[in-house]
Amino acid sequence: MDIDLEQHQLDLADTARRFFEARATIGAVRGWETSERGFGAELWAEMADLGWLRLGHPESAGGFGGGALELSVIYQAMGRTLAPVPHLESAVIGAGVLAAAETPAARDLLEPVLAGTAIVTPALAEDDTGFGPSSIAMAGTVEPDGALRLDGSKILVGYANSASHLIVAARTAPPAAATSGITLALVDVAAPGVALTKLPNLAGYPLYAATFDGHRVAPEAVLGPVHAGWELLEPVLDRAAVLRAAQIQGAAERLLELSVDYAEHRTQFGQAIGRYQAVQYLCSDIAINSHLTSLMVRYAAGLLDAGLPAGKAVSEAKAQASLTARLAPERAHAVHAGIAFILDFDVQLFTRRCRHWELDVGDERYHRERIAAALAA
């Protein structure tokens, strides 16, 4: 497969990079981190005006077409600048599930989500912090009229404070040969029996715990087939995993630039530390893993866009990206030594974000196990 970007994708990459470098400066990112919302409303509105929330969705669903490759160059630019926006949560996962569900409630909400006037975020993770259908244990009870009763809690729900709805995955049956036993529900965050609690976290993201105390989801708000929600969700999460990997690659690319610049200007024993092989090796590690991540992202995105089996390639890209998310900040800190931990330095911002992205949408272990299962099959 030819993984070189076409000219329109290169042009989009250049536009996205200039856009985020101008709109999401490090100073702005620091300010948003301490704000109640956690992201810039004006930045989000501008992305919506550019059509980037509709990108990757078919015109029949209200989108502008395009695919994972187009989105990946935008995510690389977001990773370089650490621009905090709920694009992955709402415009990719939320809108992707709503489009796939094809229910009246989902269709009614899809257009506001693509327009950026509503935010829908997934509520998947639980206290064991695992990923995948086997890690979903929160009880969901299907009632005789098709309604769904939710009891339990979810954690690490991104941007829940700005969301109008959550897409909640609940365990409604034991896993079977043909179904995961998971059911998806569209939940209004302001409904009775739903409570949000802000979670302190290293990444500086607006992450919340969502608690459901006997909350009743109407039959029309159940998304997709009962007991087979993961089957609807998994293709959407595959795309999200590739895009998160692209975001990590962008962050690693920027960490390399920061490290090389520091190594060229910091002197020790009468010369720039970049002249020492040990420092060069540290920078080379960042460069190699960033490049590997980029290649794997393009390959996986190309398979997704071509409609070809992509599960193994997706997991290869995210597993490599998770490794990069761990290694690149470590090597950058080694180049900078202790000074990189100081809050005035930008390296610590990238380190904290990468720690969250490393685990998000499946960690390295989850995806390597998925690769092994694909090889065994």
Protein backbone atom coordinates (compact mmCIF):
# COMPACT_ATOMS: atom_id res chain seq x y z
CA MET A 1 0.00 0.00 0.00
CA ASP A 2 1.25 3.49 -0.91
CA ILE A 3 1.34 5.40 2.36
CA ASP A 4 2.61 8.69 0.92
CA LEU A 5 0.18 11.55 1.53
CA GLU A 6 -1.55 13.07 -1.48
CA GLN A 7 -1.23 16.78 -2.22
CA HIS A 8 -4.59 17.72 -0.69
CA GLN A 9 -3.60 15.90 2.50
CA LEU A 10 -0.24 17.68 2.60
CA ASP A 11 -2.05 20.98 2.13
CA LEU A 12 -4.43 20.12 4.96
CA ALA A 13 -1.47 19.18 7.18
CA ASP A 14 0.15 22.55 6.52
CA THR A 15 -3.10 24.41 7.19
CA ALA A 16 -3.73 22.50 10.42
CA ARG A 17 -0.21 23.10 11.67
CA ARG A 18 -0.40 26.85 11.04
CA PHE A 19 -3.89 27.02 12.53
CA PHE A 20 -3.02 25.32 15.81
CA GLU A 21 0.33 27.07 16.18
CA ALA A 22 -1.54 30.38 15.93
CA ARG A 23 -4.66 29.49 17.96
CA ALA A 24 -3.31 27.01 20.51
CA THR A 25 -0.11 28.55 21.77
CA ILE A 26 1.54 27.05 24.83
CA GLY A 27 0.37 30.06 26.82
CA ALA A 28 -3.22 29.42 25.76
CA VAL A 29 -2.91 25.71 26.56
CA ARG A 30 -1.68 26.55 30.07
CA GLY A 31 -4.63 28.88 30.55
CA TRP A 32 -7.19 26.34 29.35
CA GLU A 33 -5.74 23.72 31.68
CA THR A 34 -6.73 25.77 34.72
CA SER A 35 -10.11 26.87 33.34
CA GLU A 36 -13.41 25.30 34.33
CA ARG A 37 -14.23 24.15 30.79
CA GLY A 38 -10.76 22.79 30.07
CA PHE A 39 -10.65 23.91 26.43
CA GLY A 40 -11.16 27.01 24.34
CA ALA A 41 -14.72 27.58 23.18
CA GLU A 42 -13.52 29.94 20.42
CA LEU A 43 -11.01 27.36 19.16
CA TRP A 44 -13.74 24.71 19.10
CA ALA A 45 -16.09 27.03 17.19
CA GLU A 46 -13.38 27.81 14.62
CA MET A 47 -12.71 24.10 14.09
CA ALA A 48 -16.43 23.63 13.51
CA ASP A 49 -16.49 26.52 11.01
CA LEU A 50 -13.59 24.91 9.13
CA GLY A 51 -15.62 21.71 8.82
CA TRP A 52 -13.13 19.65 10.81
CA LEU A 53 -15.87 18.20 13.01
CA ARG A 54 -17.64 16.88 9.91
CA LEU A 55 -14.46 15.54 8.32
CA GLY A 56 -14.34 11.76 8.19
CA HIS A 57 -18.11 11.35 8.12
CA PRO A 58 -20.03 10.62 4.90
CA GLU A 59 -22.19 13.30 3.30
CA SER A 60 -25.24 11.11 3.89
CA ALA A 61 -24.69 11.57 7.64
CA GLY A 62 -24.10 15.32 7.38
CA GLY A 63 -20.32 15.04 7.03
CA PHE A 64 -17.87 16.35 4.47
CA GLY A 65 -16.36 13.02 3.48
CA GLY A 66 -12.67 12.29 3.82
CA GLY A 67 -11.22 9.62 6.02
CA ALA A 68 -8.78 8.67 8.72
CA LEU A 69 -5.78 9.88 6.71
CA GLU A 70 -7.17 13.40 6.48
CA LEU A 71 -8.02 13.39 10.17
CA SER A 72 -4.60 11.99 11.10
CA VAL A 73 -2.75 15.06 9.80
CA ILE A 74 -5.03 17.29 11.89
CA TYR A 75 -4.33 15.14 14.94
CA GLN A 76 -0.61 15.32 14.35
CA ALA A 77 -0.88 19.12 14.42
CA MET A 78 -2.98 18.95 17.60
CA GLY A 79 -0.35 16.75 19.20
CA ARG A 80 2.43 19.20 18.37
CA THR A 81 0.61 22.01 20.15
CA LEU A 82 -1.28 20.01 22.82
CA ALA A 83 -4.49 21.74 21.71
CA PRO A 84 -7.14 20.51 24.18
CA VAL A 85 -10.44 20.00 22.36
CA PRO A 86 -13.09 17.25 22.66
CA HIS A 87 -12.70 16.27 19.00
CA LEU A 88 -11.81 12.61 19.58
CA GLU A 89 -14.48 12.18 22.24
CA SER A 90 -17.32 13.96 20.43
CA ALA A 91 -16.63 14.39 16.70
CA VAL A 92 -15.00 10.97 16.26
CA ILE A 93 -16.35 8.53 18.87
CA GLY A 94 -19.60 10.27 19.78
CA ALA A 95 -20.60 11.14 16.23
CA GLY A 96 -19.35 7.79 14.95
CA VAL A 97 -21.58 5.85 17.32
CA LEU A 98 -24.57 8.10 16.64
CA ALA A 99 -24.16 7.66 12.87
CA ALA A 100 -23.80 3.88 13.18
CA ALA A 101 -26.77 3.49 15.55
CA GLU A 102 -29.24 4.89 13.00
CA THR A 103 -31.98 5.45 15.57
CA PRO A 104 -34.20 8.58 15.59
CA ALA A 105 -32.66 9.86 18.85
CA ALA A 106 -29.17 9.36 17.45
CA ARG A 107 -30.02 11.09 14.17
CA ASP A 108 -31.54 14.07 15.98
CA LEU A 109 -28.37 14.59 18.02
CA LEU A 110 -25.86 13.89 15.25
CA GLU A 111 -26.23 17.22 13.45
CA PRO A 112 -25.64 19.39 16.57
CA VAL A 113 -22.57 17.27 17.36
CA LEU A 114 -21.15 17.72 13.87
CA ALA A 115 -21.92 21.44 14.05
CA GLY A 116 -20.09 21.72 17.37
CA THR A 117 -23.11 23.07 19.26
CA ALA A 118 -23.45 19.83 21.28
CA ILE A 119 -20.81 17.55 22.74
CA VAL A 120 -21.31 13.82 23.26
CA THR A 121 -18.59 11.91 25.07
CA PRO A 122 -18.12 8.17 25.70
CA ALA A 123 -18.27 6.71 29.21
CA LEU A 124 -16.46 3.37 28.96
CA ALA A 125 -13.71 2.98 31.57
CA GLU A 126 -14.35 1.55 35.01
CA ASP A 127 -12.39 1.19 38.24
CA ASP A 128 -10.15 -1.61 36.94
CA THR A 129 -9.01 0.88 34.21
CA GLY A 130 -8.92 -1.92 31.66
CA PHE A 131 -10.06 -1.61 28.06
CA GLY A 132 -12.24 -3.78 25.87
CA PRO A 133 -15.56 -5.56 26.38
CA SER A 134 -14.23 -7.82 29.13
CA SER A 135 -13.45 -4.74 31.26
CA ILE A 136 -17.04 -3.48 31.18
CA ALA A 137 -18.92 -4.73 34.23
CA MET A 138 -21.29 -1.89 35.18
CA ALA A 139 -24.76 -3.33 35.44
CA GLY A 140 -27.41 -2.58 32.87
CA THR A 141 -30.84 -4.20 33.20
CA VAL A 142 -33.04 -4.48 30.12
CA GLU A 143 -36.65 -3.97 31.13
CA PRO A 144 -39.65 -5.62 29.41
CA ASP A 145 -40.51 -2.47 27.43
CA GLY A 146 -36.96 -2.19 26.05
CA ALA A 147 -35.79 0.48 28.49
CA LEU A 148 -32.39 0.13 30.18
CA ARG A 149 -31.72 0.67 33.87
CA LEU A 150 -28.16 1.73 34.77
CA ASP A 151 -26.52 1.19 38.16
CA GLY A 152 -22.85 1.87 38.80
CA SER A 153 -20.17 4.29 37.72
CA LYS A 154 -17.70 5.13 34.98
CA ILE A 155 -14.40 6.96 35.32
CA LEU A 156 -12.09 9.03 33.10
CA VAL A 157 -15.01 10.48 31.16
CA GLY A 158 -13.44 13.28 29.15
CA TYR A 159 -15.12 16.69 28.86
CA ALA A 160 -18.23 15.41 30.65
CA ASN A 161 -18.71 18.87 32.19
CA SER A 162 -19.29 20.32 28.70
CA ALA A 163 -21.28 17.41 27.28
CA SER A 164 -25.01 17.29 26.76
CA HIS A 165 -25.02 13.48 26.59
CA LEU A 166 -22.87 10.48 27.43
CA ILE A 167 -22.61 7.27 25.44
CA VAL A 168 -22.56 4.65 28.19
CA ALA A 169 -21.51 1.02 27.76
CA ALA A 170 -23.17 -1.34 30.24
CA ARG A 171 -23.01 -5.08 30.86
CA THR A 172 -26.46 -6.47 30.09
CA ALA A 173 -25.60 -10.15 29.49
CA PRO A 174 -22.67 -12.55 29.75
CA PRO A 175 -20.50 -12.62 26.63
CA ALA A 176 -21.57 -15.22 24.09
CA ALA A 177 -20.17 -16.58 20.85
CA ALA A 178 -22.02 -14.02 18.73
CA THR A 179 -22.40 -11.06 21.08
CA SER A 180 -20.34 -9.17 23.64
CA GLY A 181 -23.15 -8.77 26.15
CA ILE A 182 -22.62 -5.01 26.08
CA THR A 183 -25.40 -2.50 25.40
CA LEU A 184 -24.88 1.17 24.54
CA ALA A 185 -27.14 3.93 25.83
CA LEU A 186 -27.45 7.64 25.16
CA VAL A 187 -27.72 9.38 28.54
CA ASP A 188 -28.61 13.02 29.21
CA VAL A 189 -26.07 14.32 31.74
CA ALA A 190 -28.78 16.48 33.38
CA ALA A 191 -31.21 13.58 33.88
CA PRO A 192 -32.21 12.36 37.36
CA GLY A 193 -29.97 9.60 38.67
CA VAL A 194 -26.87 10.89 36.86
CA ALA A 195 -24.06 12.62 38.79
CA LEU A 196 -20.64 13.90 37.68
CA THR A 197 -17.58 14.24 39.90
CA LYS A 198 -14.39 15.91 38.70
CA LEU A 199 -11.30 13.70 38.93
CA PRO A 200 -7.86 15.15 39.65
CA ASN A 201 -5.41 13.80 37.10
CA LEU A 202 -1.82 14.14 35.96
CA ALA A 203 -2.75 15.06 32.40
CA GLY A 204 -4.58 18.25 33.37
CA TYR A 205 -7.63 17.18 31.37
CA PRO A 206 -11.27 17.73 32.40
CA LEU A 207 -11.88 14.10 33.40
CA TYR A 208 -14.93 13.04 35.39
CA ALA A 209 -16.53 10.10 37.13
CA ALA A 210 -20.13 9.52 36.09
CA THR A 211 -22.39 7.74 38.59
CA PHE A 212 -25.74 6.19 37.67
CA ASP A 213 -28.19 5.51 40.48
CA GLY A 214 -31.00 3.51 38.95
CA HIS A 215 -31.09 5.81 35.93
CA ARG A 216 -33.68 4.68 33.41
CA VAL A 217 -32.80 5.03 29.72
CA ALA A 218 -35.87 5.14 27.46
CA PRO A 219 -36.05 2.46 24.74
CA GLU A 220 -35.49 5.06 22.00
CA ALA A 221 -32.19 6.09 23.63
CA VAL A 222 -30.72 2.58 23.48
CA LEU A 223 -28.15 2.67 20.69
CA GLY A 224 -27.85 -0.30 18.38
CA PRO A 225 -28.78 -3.89 19.15
CA VAL A 226 -29.16 -4.98 22.77
CA HIS A 227 -26.22 -7.11 24.01
CA ALA A 228 -24.19 -6.27 20.87
CA GLY A 229 -23.07 -2.73 21.60
CA TRP A 230 -19.34 -3.45 21.47
CA GLU A 231 -19.73 -4.74 17.93
CA LEU A 232 -21.13 -1.31 16.97
CA LEU A 233 -18.53 0.53 19.03
CA GLU A 234 -15.35 -1.30 18.03
CA PRO A 235 -14.97 0.08 14.45
CA VAL A 236 -15.40 3.59 15.83
CA LEU A 237 -12.75 2.96 18.50
CA ASP A 238 -10.36 1.60 15.86
CA ARG A 239 -10.45 4.93 14.09
CA ALA A 240 -10.07 6.75 17.41
CA ALA A 241 -7.02 4.63 18.30
CA VAL A 242 -5.30 5.54 15.03
CA LEU A 243 -6.00 9.22 15.56
CA ARG A 244 -4.73 9.14 19.14
CA ALA A 245 -1.59 7.50 17.78
CA ALA A 246 -1.22 10.35 15.26
CA GLN A 247 -1.58 12.84 18.12
CA ILE A 248 1.18 11.06 20.06
CA GLN A 249 3.41 11.18 16.99
CA GLY A 250 2.90 14.93 16.72
CA ALA A 251 3.81 15.38 20.39
CA ALA A 252 6.93 13.24 19.98
CA GLU A 253 7.96 15.26 16.95
CA ARG A 254 7.72 18.46 18.99
CA LEU A 255 9.59 16.90 21.92
CA LEU A 256 12.40 16.04 19.50
CA GLU A 257 12.58 19.65 18.36
CA LEU A 258 12.67 20.92 21.94
CA SER A 259 15.38 18.42 22.86
CA VAL A 260 17.58 19.12 19.85
CA ASP A 261 17.28 22.87 20.40
CA TYR A 262 18.24 22.49 24.06
CA ALA A 263 21.16 20.18 23.19
CA GLU A 264 22.49 22.72 20.70
CA HIS A 265 22.44 25.61 23.17
CA ARG A 266 23.20 23.99 26.54
CA THR A 267 26.96 23.84 27.12
CA GLN A 268 28.92 21.62 29.48
CA PHE A 269 32.66 21.09 29.66
CA GLY A 270 33.17 23.84 27.13
CA GLN A 271 30.90 22.60 24.33
CA ALA A 272 27.24 22.04 23.45
CA ILE A 273 25.92 18.85 25.03
CA GLY A 274 24.56 17.85 21.62
CA ARG A 275 28.12 16.99 20.60
CA TYR A 276 28.15 14.06 23.02
CA GLN A 277 27.06 10.72 21.61
CA ALA A 278 25.01 9.85 24.69
CA VAL A 279 22.81 12.89 24.09
CA GLN A 280 22.61 12.16 20.37
CA TYR A 281 21.38 8.64 21.13
CA LEU A 282 18.61 10.04 23.30
CA CYS A 283 17.40 12.30 20.50
CA SER A 284 17.74 9.46 17.98
CA ASP A 285 15.44 7.28 20.08
CA ILE A 286 12.73 9.94 19.91
CA ALA A 287 13.21 10.39 16.16
CA ILE A 288 13.13 6.66 15.37
CA ASN A 289 10.02 5.90 17.39
CA SER A 290 8.23 9.00 16.12
CA HIS A 291 8.93 7.95 12.54
CA LEU A 292 7.80 4.36 13.18
CA THR A 293 4.58 5.66 14.69
CA SER A 294 3.98 7.88 11.66
CA LEU A 295 4.44 5.00 9.22
CA MET A 296 2.13 2.68 11.17
CA VAL A 297 -0.53 5.39 11.52
CA ARG A 298 -0.57 5.99 7.78
CA TYR A 299 -0.75 2.28 7.00
CA ALA A 300 -3.61 1.64 9.44
CA ALA A 301 -5.48 4.76 8.34
CA GLY A 302 -5.10 3.74 4.70
CA LEU A 303 -6.60 0.33 5.41
CA LEU A 304 -9.51 1.90 7.28
CA ASP A 305 -10.19 4.33 4.44
CA ALA A 306 -10.04 1.51 1.89
CA GLY A 307 -12.54 -0.56 3.86
CA LEU A 308 -10.02 -3.40 4.27
CA PRO A 309 -9.48 -5.49 7.43
CA ALA A 310 -7.51 -3.17 9.68
CA GLY A 311 -7.80 -4.45 13.26
CA LYS A 312 -4.25 -5.81 13.45
CA ALA A 313 -2.74 -2.72 11.79
CA VAL A 314 -4.70 -0.43 14.11
CA SER A 315 -3.36 -2.24 17.16
CA GLU A 316 0.18 -2.19 15.76
CA ALA A 317 -0.08 1.58 15.34
CA LYS A 318 -1.50 2.20 18.81
CA ALA A 319 0.92 -0.21 20.51
CA GLN A 320 3.86 1.57 18.89
CA ALA A 321 2.35 4.95 19.73
CA SER A 322 1.89 3.95 23.38
CA LEU A 323 5.55 2.96 23.49
CA THR A 324 6.46 6.31 21.91
CA ALA A 325 4.26 8.16 24.41
CA ARG A 326 6.30 6.60 27.20
CA LEU A 327 9.75 6.75 25.60
CA ALA A 328 9.77 10.20 23.99
CA PRO A 329 9.14 12.18 27.22
CA GLU A 330 11.65 10.00 29.12
CA ARG A 331 14.37 10.70 26.54
CA ALA A 332 13.47 14.40 26.46
CA HIS A 333 13.80 14.59 30.24
CA ALA A 334 17.17 12.85 30.04
CA VAL A 335 18.39 15.47 27.55
CA HIS A 336 17.13 18.37 29.66
CA ALA A 337 18.06 16.75 32.99
CA GLY A 338 16.14 17.94 36.05
CA ILE A 339 15.18 21.31 34.61
CA ALA A 340 12.47 19.74 32.43
CA PHE A 341 10.38 19.00 35.52
CA ILE A 342 10.06 22.71 36.28
CA LEU A 343 6.57 23.94 35.41
CA ASP A 344 7.98 26.86 33.41
CA PHE A 345 9.43 24.36 30.91
CA ASP A 346 7.17 22.95 28.21
CA VAL A 347 8.51 19.39 28.39
CA GLN A 348 6.47 18.62 31.49
CA LEU A 349 3.27 19.58 29.64
CA PHE A 350 4.01 17.05 26.91
CA THR A 351 4.97 14.43 29.49
CA ARG A 352 1.67 14.74 31.33
CA ARG A 353 -0.43 14.62 28.16
CA CYS A 354 1.51 11.64 26.80
CA ARG A 355 0.93 9.67 29.99
CA HIS A 356 -2.82 9.97 29.42
CA TRP A 357 -2.64 9.25 25.68
CA GLU A 358 -0.44 6.21 26.31
CA LEU A 359 -3.33 4.47 28.09
CA ASP A 360 -6.26 6.01 26.22
CA VAL A 361 -8.21 3.88 23.70
CA GLY A 362 -6.28 0.81 24.85
CA ASP A 363 -2.76 0.62 26.27
CA GLU A 364 0.22 -1.15 24.73
CA ARG A 365 -0.55 -4.46 26.44
CA TYR A 366 -4.18 -4.50 25.27
CA HIS A 367 -3.19 -3.87 21.67
CA ARG A 368 -0.31 -6.36 21.68
CA GLU A 369 -2.70 -9.01 22.99
CA ARG A 370 -5.08 -8.06 20.17
CA ILE A 371 -2.24 -8.45 17.65
CA ALA A 372 -1.40 -11.88 19.09
CA ALA A 373 -5.04 -12.96 18.82
CA ALA A 374 -5.15 -11.83 15.18
CA LEU A 375 -1.97 -13.76 14.39
CA ALA A 376 -3.29 -16.87 16.16
CA ALA A 377 -6.52 -16.69 14.18
